[in-house]
Amino acid sequence: MEESTLPVPAAGRTLQLLEFLLANPTGVTPQDCLAQLDITRSSLFALLQTLKTLGYVHQTESRGAYLPGPRLLAWRGTGWKEPQDLITAFHQEITSTNIDETLALAISRPPNILLLAQRESPHHVRTSYQVGFRYPPEEIAVGPVLQPVPDNAIQENGYYLREGSETVEMAVPICEDGHHPSAALLLSAPRHRKSADSILACLPALREMAARLSYRFGAPIYAPYKMPALSKIEPTVPLPKEEIIAFLQGPWVARLACVRPDGTPHVVPVWHEYDEDDFYVASWGGSKWADYLVANPRVSLTIDEPWPPLRRISAQGIAQPLENDDIPGGIEAILNRLSQRFLGQPLSPDMASRSWRAFCIQPEQVRGWRGLRPVSP
């Protein structure tokens, strides 16, 4: 058989189409594809539709250009140019977590798991890994998380927990495209100090750090193993207070709605802090919305996530300007907490030098919901 002959023409055309899409990340038209492939128009559209359903092709409009989908983009490998980029981000982000057990960073280097970095627990008795060592995947909890096809429980839960005779470990994925793991965080503690339940209590903080790292390297969302088209939309239900509080500690930007002097609405995205009673926001000098709040302190806030389970929070209340002496540590303390939370690092000198104003929003009510479908009667 000649080398140019394709034993499976359909498979060859599929691969050619995927390569063409990767080479043109801004999009291609059906005419572009027909010029590249030996395929009929009807077969091309059938192939494109199949690849769209599987997540390898994406369209922003029904008749728009065809773009590489998230599953195809995952073929490019990691979004960081060098492992050191990921290691640097890990050490920056770890300063914003209050986890006091050993926390490590690992990537897959088949057939092994390469441990890139760690921060050891400050406890006298602690677990520890060897940075730079390649671990067999069955010997470390990161292994099952970074498998090409993790088991159903990992895909459903988004993490893996393992209890050994001396240690307990939990791993969560870092996903540069939002869905497919390209690295993982590993939390480990001695069995005598941490049970499975107490390690699971650290899961929200560990997931938040994994989400921040994913966003830093280009992820538009953080939904490990769950493609948007396949995610289940649940009926709308109210969020209990404890879930509202937990959600408001996540890396979600708020939208603040206020009123201009002419009576028209003004909406702006803001960093925020919630202390279970009040919201705190800050604006730098020149921000018009700060003047609007002084003139008319009635505001609304919304905070939401754009993918399942589609949690969202709504709050209305009165914004009170804060003087520097009103805040422990001054306005700079709020700014540093906000910067650490949303950027993973303290406020830069350039940002700190700007003229800032801070406000406390005292909500009349804070309500939350999860899901989107109407509840069946």
Protein backbone atom coordinates (compact mmCIF):
# COMPACT_ATOMS: atom_id res chain seq x y z
CA MET A 1 0.00 0.00 0.00
CA GLU A 2 1.36 3.44 -0.91
CA GLU A 3 2.13 5.80 1.97
CA SER A 4 -0.34 8.38 0.66
CA THR A 5 -3.23 5.91 0.81
CA LEU A 6 -5.38 6.23 3.91
CA PRO A 7 -6.56 2.82 5.21
CA VAL A 8 -9.56 4.53 6.91
CA PRO A 9 -10.49 7.58 4.81
CA ALA A 10 -13.09 8.86 7.31
CA ALA A 11 -10.57 8.79 10.16
CA GLY A 12 -7.99 10.54 8.01
CA ARG A 13 -10.42 13.32 7.07
CA THR A 14 -11.41 13.76 10.72
CA LEU A 15 -7.78 14.18 11.77
CA GLN A 16 -7.12 16.57 8.88
CA LEU A 17 -10.10 18.67 9.92
CA LEU A 18 -8.97 18.77 13.56
CA GLU A 19 -5.43 19.77 12.55
CA PHE A 20 -6.88 22.48 10.31
CA LEU A 21 -8.94 23.84 13.20
CA LEU A 22 -5.95 23.87 15.55
CA ALA A 23 -3.92 25.73 12.93
CA ASN A 24 -6.69 28.37 12.67
CA PRO A 25 -7.81 29.14 16.24
CA THR A 26 -9.75 32.25 15.14
CA GLY A 27 -12.16 30.08 13.16
CA VAL A 28 -12.79 28.57 9.74
CA THR A 29 -15.77 28.56 7.38
CA PRO A 30 -17.25 25.51 5.64
CA GLN A 31 -15.76 26.84 2.39
CA ASP A 32 -12.32 26.88 4.02
CA CYS A 33 -12.77 23.27 5.11
CA LEU A 34 -13.99 22.11 1.70
CA ALA A 35 -10.91 23.65 0.10
CA GLN A 36 -8.69 21.62 2.47
CA LEU A 37 -10.48 18.26 2.53
CA ASP A 38 -11.54 15.73 -0.05
CA ILE A 39 -15.10 15.56 1.26
CA THR A 40 -18.63 16.35 0.12
CA ARG A 41 -20.52 19.27 1.63
CA SER A 42 -23.11 17.03 3.30
CA SER A 43 -20.40 14.80 4.79
CA LEU A 44 -18.53 17.86 6.07
CA PHE A 45 -21.56 19.22 7.91
CA ALA A 46 -22.32 15.79 9.38
CA LEU A 47 -18.72 15.54 10.63
CA LEU A 48 -18.75 19.07 12.04
CA GLN A 49 -22.01 18.40 13.87
CA THR A 50 -20.63 15.21 15.40
CA LEU A 51 -17.47 17.00 16.56
CA LYS A 52 -19.58 19.83 18.03
CA THR A 53 -21.64 17.34 20.02
CA LEU A 54 -18.43 15.79 21.40
CA GLY A 55 -16.90 19.16 22.32
CA TYR A 56 -14.10 19.17 19.72
CA VAL A 57 -15.66 21.97 17.66
CA HIS A 58 -17.38 25.13 18.87
CA GLN A 59 -19.61 27.78 17.27
CA THR A 60 -20.49 31.07 18.96
CA GLU A 61 -23.34 31.66 16.46
CA SER A 62 -25.52 29.18 14.56
CA ARG A 63 -24.07 30.28 11.20
CA GLY A 64 -20.75 31.56 12.48
CA ALA A 65 -17.22 30.30 12.00
CA TYR A 66 -16.17 26.94 13.42
CA LEU A 67 -13.66 27.17 16.26
CA PRO A 68 -11.56 24.61 18.16
CA GLY A 69 -13.64 23.31 21.07
CA PRO A 70 -12.34 22.82 24.62
CA ARG A 71 -11.61 19.11 24.14
CA LEU A 72 -9.56 19.87 21.02
CA LEU A 73 -7.72 22.74 22.70
CA ALA A 74 -6.70 20.31 25.44
CA TRP A 75 -4.55 18.53 22.82
CA ARG A 76 -2.18 21.50 22.86
CA GLY A 77 -0.85 20.46 26.25
CA THR A 78 -0.34 22.72 29.22
CA GLY A 79 -0.98 26.44 29.00
CA TRP A 80 2.18 27.31 30.88
CA LYS A 81 5.29 27.68 28.76
CA GLU A 82 7.54 26.07 31.35
CA PRO A 83 6.83 24.07 34.53
CA GLN A 84 8.47 26.94 36.41
CA ASP A 85 5.51 29.17 35.42
CA LEU A 86 3.16 26.77 37.18
CA ILE A 87 5.49 26.42 40.18
CA THR A 88 5.69 30.22 40.57
CA ALA A 89 1.90 30.52 40.40
CA PHE A 90 1.54 27.72 42.97
CA HIS A 91 3.75 29.50 45.50
CA GLN A 92 1.92 32.79 44.91
CA GLU A 93 -1.53 31.26 45.33
CA ILE A 94 -0.64 29.20 48.37
CA THR A 95 -0.25 32.34 50.46
CA SER A 96 -4.02 32.93 50.25
CA THR A 97 -5.03 29.55 51.69
CA ASN A 98 -5.22 28.76 55.39
CA ILE A 99 -4.59 25.02 54.98
CA ASP A 100 -1.96 24.00 57.54
CA GLU A 101 -1.11 20.56 56.16
CA THR A 102 1.39 19.64 53.42
CA LEU A 103 0.26 20.88 50.01
CA ALA A 104 1.96 19.77 46.79
CA LEU A 105 1.77 20.35 43.04
CA ALA A 106 2.14 17.58 40.46
CA ILE A 107 1.79 16.92 36.74
CA SER A 108 1.58 13.76 34.68
CA ARG A 109 4.77 12.53 33.01
CA PRO A 110 3.65 9.11 31.74
CA PRO A 111 4.02 6.55 33.00
CA ASN A 112 4.69 8.46 36.25
CA ILE A 113 3.59 11.50 38.25
CA LEU A 114 6.17 14.28 38.56
CA LEU A 115 6.03 16.25 41.81
CA LEU A 116 6.90 19.86 40.98
CA ALA A 117 6.65 21.70 44.29
CA GLN A 118 5.36 21.51 47.84
CA ARG A 119 4.83 23.52 50.97
CA GLU A 120 5.33 21.35 54.01
CA SER A 121 3.06 21.54 57.03
CA PRO A 122 4.40 23.63 59.95
CA HIS A 123 3.50 20.81 62.37
CA HIS A 124 6.37 18.92 63.95
CA VAL A 125 4.96 15.62 62.66
CA ARG A 126 4.00 15.99 59.01
CA THR A 127 3.94 14.28 55.65
CA SER A 128 6.42 15.20 52.93
CA TYR A 129 7.18 14.42 49.29
CA GLN A 130 10.38 14.55 47.27
CA VAL A 131 10.26 17.46 44.84
CA GLY A 132 11.45 16.40 41.39
CA PHE A 133 10.74 12.72 42.06
CA ARG A 134 8.63 10.69 39.65
CA TYR A 135 6.04 8.67 41.58
CA PRO A 136 4.19 5.66 40.15
CA PRO A 137 0.55 6.79 39.77
CA GLU A 138 -0.71 4.06 42.10
CA GLU A 139 1.49 5.36 44.95
CA ILE A 140 0.14 8.92 45.11
CA ALA A 141 -3.41 10.29 45.19
CA VAL A 142 -2.74 12.55 42.20
CA GLY A 143 -2.42 9.47 39.98
CA PRO A 144 -6.14 8.63 39.68
CA VAL A 145 -7.02 12.33 39.14
CA LEU A 146 -4.63 12.71 36.19
CA GLN A 147 -5.59 9.47 34.43
CA PRO A 148 -6.83 10.02 30.83
CA VAL A 149 -10.20 8.61 31.89
CA PRO A 150 -10.70 8.81 35.69
CA ASP A 151 -13.27 6.55 37.28
CA ASN A 152 -16.89 7.67 37.54
CA ALA A 153 -16.64 8.73 41.19
CA ILE A 154 -13.76 11.13 40.47
CA GLN A 155 -15.55 12.58 37.46
CA GLU A 156 -18.72 13.07 39.49
CA ASN A 157 -17.07 14.49 42.63
CA GLY A 158 -14.16 16.37 41.07
CA TYR A 159 -11.61 15.07 43.59
CA TYR A 160 -9.99 11.87 44.89
CA LEU A 161 -9.57 10.93 48.55
CA ARG A 162 -7.38 8.08 49.77
CA GLU A 163 -6.78 6.82 53.31
CA GLY A 164 -3.60 4.86 53.98
CA SER A 165 -2.35 3.22 57.11
CA GLU A 166 -0.30 6.31 58.07
CA THR A 167 -1.53 9.16 55.84
CA VAL A 168 -4.66 10.55 54.27
CA GLU A 169 -4.42 12.31 50.88
CA MET A 170 -6.79 14.33 48.72
CA ALA A 171 -6.16 15.53 45.15
CA VAL A 172 -8.04 18.03 43.00
CA PRO A 173 -7.31 18.82 39.33
CA ILE A 174 -6.04 22.02 37.76
CA CYS A 175 -7.65 22.47 34.34
CA GLU A 176 -6.19 24.99 31.91
CA ASP A 177 -9.25 24.67 29.65
CA GLY A 178 -11.66 24.48 32.57
CA HIS A 179 -12.52 20.79 32.12
CA HIS A 180 -9.51 18.56 31.43
CA PRO A 181 -6.86 18.10 34.15
CA SER A 182 -3.36 19.17 33.21
CA ALA A 183 -1.96 19.28 36.77
CA ALA A 184 -3.22 18.67 40.29
CA LEU A 185 -2.99 19.85 43.88
CA LEU A 186 -2.27 17.26 46.55
CA LEU A 187 -3.17 17.71 50.23
CA SER A 188 -1.63 15.25 52.67
CA ALA A 189 -1.67 14.78 56.45
CA PRO A 190 -0.74 12.14 59.03
CA ARG A 191 -3.59 9.77 59.76
CA HIS A 192 -3.34 10.34 63.53
CA ARG A 193 -4.14 14.06 63.08
CA LYS A 194 -6.56 14.12 60.17
CA SER A 195 -9.47 11.84 59.39
CA ALA A 196 -11.16 11.58 56.01
CA ASP A 197 -13.91 13.90 57.24
CA SER A 198 -11.50 16.58 58.47
CA ILE A 199 -9.54 16.45 55.20
CA LEU A 200 -12.81 16.82 53.26
CA ALA A 201 -13.48 19.99 55.26
CA CYS A 202 -10.49 21.48 53.39
CA LEU A 203 -12.02 20.67 49.98
CA PRO A 204 -13.60 24.14 49.35
CA ALA A 205 -10.29 25.91 50.00
CA LEU A 206 -8.39 23.40 47.86
CA ARG A 207 -10.87 23.74 45.01
CA GLU A 208 -10.70 27.52 45.19
CA MET A 209 -6.92 27.42 44.81
CA ALA A 210 -7.19 24.96 41.90
CA ALA A 211 -9.74 27.24 40.24
CA ARG A 212 -7.48 30.28 40.62
CA LEU A 213 -4.56 28.42 39.06
CA SER A 214 -6.80 27.24 36.22
CA TYR A 215 -7.99 30.80 35.56
CA ARG A 216 -4.42 32.13 35.59
CA PHE A 217 -3.52 29.85 32.70
CA GLY A 218 -6.52 30.64 30.52
CA ALA A 219 -9.48 28.60 31.78
CA PRO A 220 -12.75 30.46 31.16
CA ILE A 221 -14.46 28.36 33.87
CA TYR A 222 -13.58 25.68 36.41
CA ALA A 223 -15.71 22.55 35.96
CA PRO A 224 -13.38 19.49 36.05
CA TYR A 225 -14.44 16.56 33.85
CA LYS A 226 -17.76 18.26 33.04
CA MET A 227 -18.35 19.61 29.55
CA PRO A 228 -20.91 22.46 29.53
CA ALA A 229 -23.18 20.76 26.99
CA LEU A 230 -23.35 17.64 29.13
CA SER A 231 -23.79 19.32 32.52
CA LYS A 232 -27.13 18.67 34.15
CA ILE A 233 -29.30 21.71 34.84
CA GLU A 234 -31.08 21.21 38.16
CA PRO A 235 -34.40 22.76 39.24
CA THR A 236 -34.14 26.13 40.98
CA VAL A 237 -33.88 25.83 44.76
CA PRO A 238 -32.96 28.41 47.44
CA LEU A 239 -29.46 28.28 48.91
CA PRO A 240 -29.25 27.82 52.68
CA LYS A 241 -27.35 30.47 54.65
CA GLU A 242 -24.25 28.31 55.15
CA GLU A 243 -23.98 27.65 51.39
CA ILE A 244 -24.42 31.36 50.65
CA ILE A 245 -21.58 32.18 53.04
CA ALA A 246 -19.32 29.51 51.51
CA PHE A 247 -20.11 30.65 47.95
CA LEU A 248 -19.33 34.27 48.78
CA GLN A 249 -15.82 33.27 49.86
CA GLY A 250 -15.09 32.00 46.33
CA PRO A 251 -13.28 33.83 43.50
CA TRP A 252 -16.43 35.39 42.04
CA VAL A 253 -16.51 39.06 41.04
CA ALA A 254 -19.65 40.97 42.06
CA ARG A 255 -21.70 43.31 39.91
CA LEU A 256 -22.69 46.46 41.78
CA ALA A 257 -25.73 48.39 40.59
CA CYS A 258 -26.21 52.01 41.67
CA VAL A 259 -27.97 55.11 40.34
CA ARG A 260 -26.46 58.03 38.43
CA PRO A 261 -27.51 61.61 39.28
CA ASP A 262 -29.80 61.64 36.22
CA GLY A 263 -31.66 58.59 37.54
CA THR A 264 -30.27 56.07 35.06
CA PRO A 265 -28.78 52.79 36.35
CA HIS A 266 -25.04 52.17 36.50
CA VAL A 267 -23.55 48.66 36.85
CA VAL A 268 -19.87 47.93 37.47
CA PRO A 269 -17.90 44.76 38.33
CA VAL A 270 -16.18 45.01 41.71
CA TRP A 271 -14.00 42.94 44.01
CA HIS A 272 -15.79 42.32 47.27
CA GLU A 273 -15.37 40.90 50.75
CA TYR A 274 -18.21 39.43 52.84
CA ASP A 275 -17.89 38.96 56.60
CA GLU A 276 -21.23 37.12 57.00
CA ASP A 277 -22.93 40.42 57.88
CA ASP A 278 -21.74 43.15 55.49
CA PHE A 279 -20.05 43.50 52.10
CA TYR A 280 -16.93 45.63 51.63
CA VAL A 281 -15.91 47.13 48.27
CA ALA A 282 -13.26 49.63 47.22
CA SER A 283 -12.80 52.02 44.30
CA TRP A 284 -9.74 53.88 43.17
CA GLY A 285 -9.63 57.62 42.53
CA GLY A 286 -11.61 58.74 39.51
CA SER A 287 -14.19 55.95 39.70
CA LYS A 288 -17.56 57.63 39.08
CA TRP A 289 -19.53 54.92 40.86
CA ALA A 290 -18.00 55.95 44.19
CA ASP A 291 -19.46 59.44 43.72
CA TYR A 292 -22.81 57.90 42.79
CA LEU A 293 -22.81 55.92 46.06
CA VAL A 294 -22.12 59.04 48.11
CA ALA A 295 -25.03 60.85 46.42
CA ASN A 296 -27.42 57.88 46.54
CA PRO A 297 -26.32 55.01 48.82
CA ARG A 298 -28.98 52.48 47.78
CA VAL A 299 -27.29 49.65 45.83
CA SER A 300 -27.78 46.08 44.64
CA LEU A 301 -25.18 43.35 44.28
CA THR A 302 -25.24 40.14 42.27
CA ILE A 303 -22.61 37.39 42.36
CA ASP A 304 -22.97 34.31 40.20
CA GLU A 305 -21.24 31.46 38.40
CA PRO A 306 -22.02 30.96 34.68
CA TRP A 307 -22.06 27.13 34.67
CA PRO A 308 -23.84 24.38 36.60
CA PRO A 309 -24.86 24.24 39.36
CA LEU A 310 -25.54 27.92 38.46
CA ARG A 311 -25.40 29.37 41.96
CA ARG A 312 -26.22 33.07 42.29
CA ILE A 313 -26.59 35.60 45.06
CA SER A 314 -28.63 38.80 45.16
CA ALA A 315 -28.34 41.49 47.84
CA GLN A 316 -29.75 44.98 48.31
CA GLY A 317 -28.76 47.53 50.90
CA ILE A 318 -27.15 50.82 51.87
CA ALA A 319 -23.52 51.70 51.07
CA GLN A 320 -21.72 53.68 53.76
CA PRO A 321 -18.36 55.36 52.99
CA LEU A 322 -15.56 54.28 55.32
CA GLU A 323 -12.80 56.46 56.65
CA ASN A 324 -9.33 55.02 57.01
CA ASP A 325 -9.63 55.01 60.82
CA ASP A 326 -12.90 53.02 60.62
CA ILE A 327 -11.06 49.93 59.33
CA PRO A 328 -8.58 47.78 61.29
CA GLY A 329 -5.33 48.26 59.38
CA GLY A 330 -6.89 51.01 57.25
CA ILE A 331 -8.15 50.84 53.68
CA GLU A 332 -4.81 49.27 52.68
CA ALA A 333 -5.72 46.18 54.73
CA ILE A 334 -8.93 45.69 52.73
CA LEU A 335 -7.08 46.28 49.46
CA ASN A 336 -4.41 43.69 50.29
CA ARG A 337 -7.04 41.10 51.22
CA LEU A 338 -8.95 41.73 48.00
CA SER A 339 -5.78 41.58 45.90
CA GLN A 340 -4.66 38.39 47.61
CA ARG A 341 -8.06 36.81 47.05
CA PHE A 342 -8.59 37.77 43.41
CA LEU A 343 -4.99 37.99 42.15
CA GLY A 344 -3.21 35.61 44.50
CA GLN A 345 -0.68 38.24 45.58
CA PRO A 346 -0.48 41.43 47.68
CA LEU A 347 -1.42 44.75 46.15
CA SER A 348 1.34 46.08 43.90
CA PRO A 349 3.04 49.39 44.85
CA ASP A 350 1.57 51.02 41.74
CA MET A 351 -1.97 50.04 42.71
CA ALA A 352 -1.43 50.90 46.38
CA SER A 353 -0.30 54.41 45.47
CA ARG A 354 -3.66 55.28 43.92
CA SER A 355 -6.32 57.19 45.82
CA TRP A 356 -8.80 54.61 47.12
CA ARG A 357 -12.21 54.86 48.74
CA ALA A 358 -13.87 52.00 50.62
CA PHE A 359 -17.54 51.32 51.36
CA CYS A 360 -19.42 49.03 53.70
CA ILE A 361 -22.67 47.74 52.18
CA GLN A 362 -25.15 46.77 54.87
CA PRO A 363 -27.59 44.41 53.13
CA GLU A 364 -31.27 44.43 53.97
CA GLN A 365 -31.38 40.88 52.68
CA VAL A 366 -29.08 38.35 51.00
CA ARG A 367 -30.74 35.65 48.92
CA GLY A 368 -29.28 32.81 46.89
CA TRP A 369 -30.44 30.15 44.44
CA ARG A 370 -29.02 27.14 42.66
CA GLY A 371 -30.22 25.64 39.36
CA LEU A 372 -32.22 27.05 36.49
CA ARG A 373 -35.13 24.81 35.54
CA PRO A 374 -38.57 25.59 36.97
CA VAL A 375 -39.57 23.28 39.79
CA SER A 376 -42.10 20.71 38.60
CA PRO A 377 -45.57 21.17 40.10
